[in-house]
């Protein structure tokens, strides 16, 4: 009506530029929110990375895919009601057993920037822990990383203890502590 057929008007160009800018700004905003959420949810993992990043590990004695691990403050935790707002569950984690420690690796695509960890036995303490409604789990505490622990399901650490005598002794100690706490 205002121009010849097939000819683009200035109003159509301005509208296309406007829609492109709105789309770009929206994409950057939602990308930034996604990055923030991913970065915030791996903050505790990075606390361990600073001291226990795995580098060039040999072949493990054994490897097992866990359901997940949880990094939170020690003590009973029940979901978000725990008051520990930085508590986070990391989905599928591969646990490797070595003669002198454990390795933890988040399985891709959930890894999003998290490096693998190597937790040496000589800097590790295993403590009894409760996780949601489960009260027979274990918390792995490491020297230099104060106030938080890596909670693992008991079946995973018991499997690993079958492959490592040192870890087996640590679990026996944790069970003794658990029995004293319950008495």
C-alpha atoms as a PDB file:
ATOM      1  CA  UNK A   1       0.000   0.000   0.000  1.00  0.00           C
ATOM      2  CA  UNK A   2       2.803   2.427   0.876  1.00  0.00           C
ATOM      3  CA  UNK A   3       5.476   0.927  -1.285  1.00  0.00           C
ATOM      4  CA  UNK A   4       5.851  -1.192  -4.314  1.00  0.00           C
ATOM      5  CA  UNK A   5       5.225  -4.930  -3.986  1.00  0.00           C
ATOM      6  CA  UNK A   6       8.373  -6.756  -2.802  1.00  0.00           C
ATOM      7  CA  UNK A   7       9.942  -3.549  -1.507  1.00  0.00           C
ATOM      8  CA  UNK A   8      10.904  -3.355   2.185  1.00  0.00           C
ATOM      9  CA  UNK A   9       9.789  -0.248   4.022  1.00  0.00           C
ATOM     10  CA  UNK A  10      11.726   1.669   6.649  1.00  0.00           C
ATOM     11  CA  UNK A  11       9.126   0.693   9.272  1.00  0.00           C
ATOM     12  CA  UNK A  12       9.702  -3.014   8.577  1.00  0.00           C
ATOM     13  CA  UNK A  13      13.470  -2.556   8.909  1.00  0.00           C
ATOM     14  CA  UNK A  14      13.091  -0.707  12.224  1.00  0.00           C
ATOM     15  CA  UNK A  15      10.731  -3.432  13.475  1.00  0.00           C
ATOM     16  CA  UNK A  16      13.207  -6.175  12.512  1.00  0.00           C
ATOM     17  CA  UNK A  17      16.096  -4.361  14.217  1.00  0.00           C
ATOM     18  CA  UNK A  18      13.947  -3.852  17.325  1.00  0.00           C
ATOM     19  CA  UNK A  19      12.916  -7.524  17.451  1.00  0.00           C
ATOM     20  CA  UNK A  20      16.542  -8.614  16.956  1.00  0.00           C
ATOM     21  CA  UNK A  21      17.697  -6.396  19.839  1.00  0.00           C
ATOM     22  CA  UNK A  22      14.920  -7.639  22.142  1.00  0.00           C
ATOM     23  CA  UNK A  23      15.780 -11.258  21.270  1.00  0.00           C
ATOM     24  CA  UNK A  24      19.510 -10.698  21.841  1.00  0.00           C
ATOM     25  CA  UNK A  25      18.949  -8.958  25.188  1.00  0.00           C
ATOM     26  CA  UNK A  26      16.571 -11.743  26.301  1.00  0.00           C
ATOM     27  CA  UNK A  27      19.055 -14.420  25.273  1.00  0.00           C
ATOM     28  CA  UNK A  28      21.910 -12.693  27.129  1.00  0.00           C
ATOM     29  CA  UNK A  29      19.724 -12.247  30.224  1.00  0.00           C
ATOM     30  CA  UNK A  30      18.596 -15.892  30.378  1.00  0.00           C
ATOM     31  CA  UNK A  31      22.099 -17.105  29.534  1.00  0.00           C
ATOM     32  CA  UNK A  32      23.433 -14.999  32.409  1.00  0.00           C
ATOM     33  CA  UNK A  33      20.834 -16.419  34.799  1.00  0.00           C
ATOM     34  CA  UNK A  34      21.694 -19.978  33.706  1.00  0.00           C
ATOM     35  CA  UNK A  35      25.420 -19.288  34.144  1.00  0.00           C
ATOM     36  CA  UNK A  36      24.814 -17.817  37.612  1.00  0.00           C
ATOM     37  CA  UNK A  37      22.768 -20.842  38.692  1.00  0.00           C
ATOM     38  CA  UNK A  38      25.405 -23.272  37.394  1.00  0.00           C
ATOM     39  CA  UNK A  39      28.227 -21.275  38.979  1.00  0.00           C
ATOM     40  CA  UNK A  40      26.446 -20.962  42.341  1.00  0.00           C
ATOM     41  CA  UNK A  41      25.522 -24.647  42.444  1.00  0.00           C
ATOM     42  CA  UNK A  42      29.154 -25.711  41.999  1.00  0.00           C
ATOM     43  CA  UNK A  43      30.643 -23.337  44.580  1.00  0.00           C
ATOM     44  CA  UNK A  44      31.166 -26.061  47.157  1.00  0.00           C
ATOM     45  CA  UNK A  45      32.733 -28.398  44.561  1.00  0.00           C
ATOM     46  CA  UNK A  46      35.203 -25.625  43.742  1.00  0.00           C
ATOM     47  CA  UNK A  47      36.115 -25.384  47.448  1.00  0.00           C
ATOM     48  CA  UNK A  48      37.477 -28.913  47.081  1.00  0.00           C
ATOM     49  CA  UNK A  49      39.040 -28.227  43.656  1.00  0.00           C
ATOM     50  CA  UNK A  50      41.381 -25.634  45.127  1.00  0.00           C
ATOM     51  CA  UNK A  51      43.163 -28.276  47.225  1.00  0.00           C
ATOM     52  CA  UNK A  52      42.245 -31.608  45.672  1.00  0.00           C
ATOM     53  CA  UNK A  53      42.139 -31.220  41.903  1.00  0.00           C
ATOM     54  CA  UNK A  54      42.961 -34.499  40.167  1.00  0.00           C
ATOM     55  CA  UNK A  55      45.790 -34.445  37.667  1.00  0.00           C
ATOM     56  CA  UNK A  56      47.033 -37.354  35.543  1.00  0.00           C
ATOM     57  CA  UNK A  57      45.675 -40.186  37.638  1.00  0.00           C
ATOM     58  CA  UNK A  58      46.681 -43.754  36.777  1.00  0.00           C
ATOM     59  CA  UNK A  59      44.077 -46.433  36.113  1.00  0.00           C
ATOM     60  CA  UNK A  60      41.950 -46.947  39.252  1.00  0.00           C
ATOM     61  CA  UNK A  61      41.587 -50.220  41.120  1.00  0.00           C
ATOM     62  CA  UNK A  62      37.843 -49.886  40.572  1.00  0.00           C
ATOM     63  CA  UNK A  63      35.265 -47.398  39.262  1.00  0.00           C
ATOM     64  CA  UNK A  64      31.597 -47.063  40.065  1.00  0.00           C
ATOM     65  CA  UNK A  65      28.857 -44.689  38.996  1.00  0.00           C
ATOM     66  CA  UNK A  66      27.016 -43.302  42.021  1.00  0.00           C
ATOM     67  CA  UNK A  67      23.556 -41.832  42.035  1.00  0.00           C
ATOM     68  CA  UNK A  68      24.858 -38.552  43.411  1.00  0.00           C
ATOM     69  CA  UNK A  69      26.899 -36.960  46.143  1.00  0.00           C
ATOM     70  CA  UNK A  70      25.913 -34.028  48.306  1.00  0.00           C
ATOM     71  CA  UNK A  71      28.223 -31.331  49.577  1.00  0.00           C
ATOM     72  CA  UNK A  72      26.899 -29.585  52.676  1.00  0.00           C
ATOM     73  CA  UNK A  73      27.589 -28.684  56.267  1.00  0.00           C
ATOM     74  CA  UNK A  74      28.125 -31.638  58.616  1.00  0.00           C
ATOM     75  CA  UNK A  75      25.160 -32.866  60.601  1.00  0.00           C
ATOM     76  CA  UNK A  76      21.603 -33.901  59.855  1.00  0.00           C
ATOM     77  CA  UNK A  77      20.300 -32.329  56.679  1.00  0.00           C
ATOM     78  CA  UNK A  78      16.817 -32.625  55.260  1.00  0.00           C
ATOM     79  CA  UNK A  79      16.626 -30.948  51.879  1.00  0.00           C
ATOM     80  CA  UNK A  80      16.250 -27.181  51.812  1.00  0.00           C
ATOM     81  CA  UNK A  81      14.833 -27.204  55.338  1.00  0.00           C
ATOM     82  CA  UNK A  82      18.369 -27.670  56.654  1.00  0.00           C
ATOM     83  CA  UNK A  83      19.188 -23.978  56.564  1.00  0.00           C
ATOM     84  CA  UNK A  84      22.295 -24.713  54.489  1.00  0.00           C
ATOM     85  CA  UNK A  85      21.486 -22.676  51.406  1.00  0.00           C
ATOM     86  CA  UNK A  86      24.727 -23.668  49.671  1.00  0.00           C
ATOM     87  CA  UNK A  87      24.050 -27.387  50.059  1.00  0.00           C
ATOM     88  CA  UNK A  88      23.997 -28.969  46.632  1.00  0.00           C
ATOM     89  CA  UNK A  89      23.501 -32.409  45.179  1.00  0.00           C
ATOM     90  CA  UNK A  90      25.736 -33.310  42.279  1.00  0.00           C
ATOM     91  CA  UNK A  91      24.115 -35.792  39.918  1.00  0.00           C
ATOM     92  CA  UNK A  92      25.866 -38.836  38.592  1.00  0.00           C
ATOM     93  CA  UNK A  93      29.377 -38.916  39.978  1.00  0.00           C
ATOM     94  CA  UNK A  94      31.969 -41.502  38.989  1.00  0.00           C
ATOM     95  CA  UNK A  95      33.972 -42.709  42.004  1.00  0.00           C
ATOM     96  CA  UNK A  96      37.397 -44.208  41.418  1.00  0.00           C
ATOM     97  CA  UNK A  97      39.301 -46.177  44.052  1.00  0.00           C
ATOM     98  CA  UNK A  98      43.102 -45.929  44.240  1.00  0.00           C
ATOM     99  CA  UNK A  99      45.623 -47.345  46.689  1.00  0.00           C
ATOM    100  CA  UNK A 100      46.012 -43.906  48.285  1.00  0.00           C
ATOM    101  CA  UNK A 101      42.642 -42.212  47.758  1.00  0.00           C
ATOM    102  CA  UNK A 102      39.356 -41.727  45.940  1.00  0.00           C
ATOM    103  CA  UNK A 103      38.629 -39.792  42.780  1.00  0.00           C
ATOM    104  CA  UNK A 104      35.325 -38.054  42.078  1.00  0.00           C
ATOM    105  CA  UNK A 105      34.224 -36.953  38.640  1.00  0.00           C
ATOM    106  CA  UNK A 106      30.840 -35.484  37.735  1.00  0.00           C
ATOM    107  CA  UNK A 107      29.517 -37.190  34.613  1.00  0.00           C
ATOM    108  CA  UNK A 108      28.990 -34.996  31.526  1.00  0.00           C
ATOM    109  CA  UNK A 109      26.832 -33.087  30.606  1.00  0.00           C
ATOM    110  CA  UNK A 110      26.302 -32.170  34.279  1.00  0.00           C
ATOM    111  CA  UNK A 111      29.991 -31.398  34.741  1.00  0.00           C
ATOM    112  CA  UNK A 112      29.714 -27.768  33.477  1.00  0.00           C
ATOM    113  CA  UNK A 113      33.185 -26.615  34.457  1.00  0.00           C
ATOM    114  CA  UNK A 114      33.820 -28.868  37.462  1.00  0.00           C
ATOM    115  CA  UNK A 115      37.230 -30.491  37.430  1.00  0.00           C
ATOM    116  CA  UNK A 116      37.832 -33.985  38.766  1.00  0.00           C
ATOM    117  CA  UNK A 117      38.824 -34.394  42.408  1.00  0.00           C
ATOM    118  CA  UNK A 118      41.338 -36.710  44.061  1.00  0.00           C
ATOM    119  CA  UNK A 119      40.795 -37.175  47.788  1.00  0.00           C
ATOM    120  CA  UNK A 120      43.866 -38.756  49.437  1.00  0.00           C
ATOM    121  CA  UNK A 121      43.219 -41.062  52.382  1.00  0.00           C
ATOM    122  CA  UNK A 122      45.920 -39.404  54.506  1.00  0.00           C
ATOM    123  CA  UNK A 123      43.929 -36.134  54.510  1.00  0.00           C
ATOM    124  CA  UNK A 124      40.502 -37.766  54.812  1.00  0.00           C
ATOM    125  CA  UNK A 125      38.200 -38.510  57.727  1.00  0.00           C
ATOM    126  CA  UNK A 126      35.008 -40.530  57.345  1.00  0.00           C
ATOM    127  CA  UNK A 127      32.218 -39.562  59.718  1.00  0.00           C
ATOM    128  CA  UNK A 128      28.748 -41.012  60.201  1.00  0.00           C
ATOM    129  CA  UNK A 129      26.141 -38.824  58.505  1.00  0.00           C
ATOM    130  CA  UNK A 130      22.398 -38.574  57.968  1.00  0.00           C
ATOM    131  CA  UNK A 131      21.035 -37.657  54.564  1.00  0.00           C
ATOM    132  CA  UNK A 132      17.350 -36.783  54.360  1.00  0.00           C
ATOM    133  CA  UNK A 133      15.538 -39.830  55.777  1.00  0.00           C
ATOM    134  CA  UNK A 134      18.619 -42.080  55.538  1.00  0.00           C
ATOM    135  CA  UNK A 135      20.666 -42.215  58.727  1.00  0.00           C
ATOM    136  CA  UNK A 136      23.396 -44.703  57.816  1.00  0.00           C
ATOM    137  CA  UNK A 137      25.339 -42.672  55.258  1.00  0.00           C
ATOM    138  CA  UNK A 138      28.884 -41.303  55.433  1.00  0.00           C
ATOM    139  CA  UNK A 139      30.393 -37.847  55.250  1.00  0.00           C
ATOM    140  CA  UNK A 140      33.871 -37.444  53.791  1.00  0.00           C
ATOM    141  CA  UNK A 141      35.757 -34.594  55.441  1.00  0.00           C
ATOM    142  CA  UNK A 142      39.043 -33.359  54.062  1.00  0.00           C
ATOM    143  CA  UNK A 143      41.856 -31.356  55.668  1.00  0.00           C
ATOM    144  CA  UNK A 144      41.808 -27.727  54.578  1.00  0.00           C
ATOM    145  CA  UNK A 145      38.132 -27.689  53.616  1.00  0.00           C
ATOM    146  CA  UNK A 146      36.443 -26.671  56.841  1.00  0.00           C
ATOM    147  CA  UNK A 147      32.753 -26.636  57.619  1.00  0.00           C
ATOM    148  CA  UNK A 148      31.592 -28.856  54.747  1.00  0.00           C
ATOM    149  CA  UNK A 149      31.655 -32.527  53.864  1.00  0.00           C
ATOM    150  CA  UNK A 150      30.907 -34.714  50.877  1.00  0.00           C
ATOM    151  CA  UNK A 151      28.025 -37.023  51.741  1.00  0.00           C
ATOM    152  CA  UNK A 152      27.964 -40.354  49.942  1.00  0.00           C
ATOM    153  CA  UNK A 153      25.570 -43.246  50.066  1.00  0.00           C
ATOM    154  CA  UNK A 154      26.798 -46.075  52.281  1.00  0.00           C
ATOM    155  CA  UNK A 155      26.639 -48.679  49.508  1.00  0.00           C
ATOM    156  CA  UNK A 156      29.147 -46.692  47.413  1.00  0.00           C
ATOM    157  CA  UNK A 157      31.696 -46.322  50.211  1.00  0.00           C
ATOM    158  CA  UNK A 158      31.210 -49.932  51.291  1.00  0.00           C
ATOM    159  CA  UNK A 159      31.916 -51.013  47.702  1.00  0.00           C
ATOM    160  CA  UNK A 160      35.054 -48.828  47.692  1.00  0.00           C
ATOM    161  CA  UNK A 161      36.107 -50.231  51.092  1.00  0.00           C
ATOM    162  CA  UNK A 162      36.124 -53.729  49.565  1.00  0.00           C
ATOM    163  CA  UNK A 163      38.890 -52.500  47.273  1.00  0.00           C
ATOM    164  CA  UNK A 164      40.854 -50.490  49.869  1.00  0.00           C
ATOM    165  CA  UNK A 165      41.852 -51.740  53.306  1.00  0.00           C
ATOM    166  CA  UNK A 166      42.518 -48.184  54.510  1.00  0.00           C
ATOM    167  CA  UNK A 167      39.009 -47.069  53.588  1.00  0.00           C
ATOM    168  CA  UNK A 168      37.605 -50.206  55.225  1.00  0.00           C
ATOM    169  CA  UNK A 169      39.281 -49.228  58.494  1.00  0.00           C
ATOM    170  CA  UNK A 170      37.911 -45.685  58.164  1.00  0.00           C
ATOM    171  CA  UNK A 171      34.383 -47.056  57.747  1.00  0.00           C
ATOM    172  CA  UNK A 172      34.819 -49.316  60.795  1.00  0.00           C
ATOM    173  CA  UNK A 173      35.813 -46.264  62.828  1.00  0.00           C
ATOM    174  CA  UNK A 174      32.773 -44.335  61.522  1.00  0.00           C
ATOM    175  CA  UNK A 175      30.466 -47.216  62.495  1.00  0.00           C
ATOM    176  CA  UNK A 176      32.004 -47.284  65.993  1.00  0.00           C
ATOM    177  CA  UNK A 177      31.365 -43.536  66.315  1.00  0.00           C
ATOM    178  CA  UNK A 178      27.794 -44.038  65.045  1.00  0.00           C
ATOM    179  CA  UNK A 179      27.179 -46.784  67.647  1.00  0.00           C
ATOM    180  CA  UNK A 180      28.480 -44.538  70.447  1.00  0.00           C
ATOM    181  CA  UNK A 181      26.257 -41.663  69.235  1.00  0.00           C
ATOM    182  CA  UNK A 182      23.168 -43.883  69.229  1.00  0.00           C
ATOM    183  CA  UNK A 183      23.897 -45.285  72.709  1.00  0.00           C
END
